[in-house]
Amino acid sequence: MDKKNTLKINLDELCSAMENSSFESEYYLDLATGEIILLAENLDDEDGHKLRKKIDTETDRFEPIPQAESRERYQDMQDFIATIKDEHLSELLDVAIDGQGAFRRFKDVLLKHPEERERWFKFSDGRMTDRALNWLSDIDVILAKE
């Protein structure tokens, strides 16, 4: 894209699309409308095939939305743990994120600490919002003011 494109985009929807790590679906940003488009692999209907064809032929119009990488999300957990004042909880979370199943164990530990869990959601959402805004900047899209 040669110039900045100002679009009204649902930032929450964009963040959700970036967080979705399903291999059965792809998300695209419509650079003409700002709409987030879900293209599921198992689209058998005629509309799904038309949408796929449209995306494949109008490549300048549809930008694939990248998925957040697990290493970035893992780094978010590490960075969050560094902000925890309760030494015991910090240690529990450090142990939880070691090895396979780290994300699930991390969330399980936070279930017993509702205030920190809520703080985690805000922290994580903030990081995802930053990633979304950085990606938009990378593709020369400016978020329209409401």
Foldseek 3Di string as FASTA:
>chain_A
DPAAQEAAADLVVLLVQQADPDPQWWWKQFSVHNDIDIQGNPDPDPVSVVVVVCCVVPVVGIHTRHHDDVVVVLVLLVVLLVVDPPPVLSVQLVVLLPDPPSVVSNQVSCVVVVVSNVVSVVSSVVVSSVVSCVVSVVVNYHYDDD
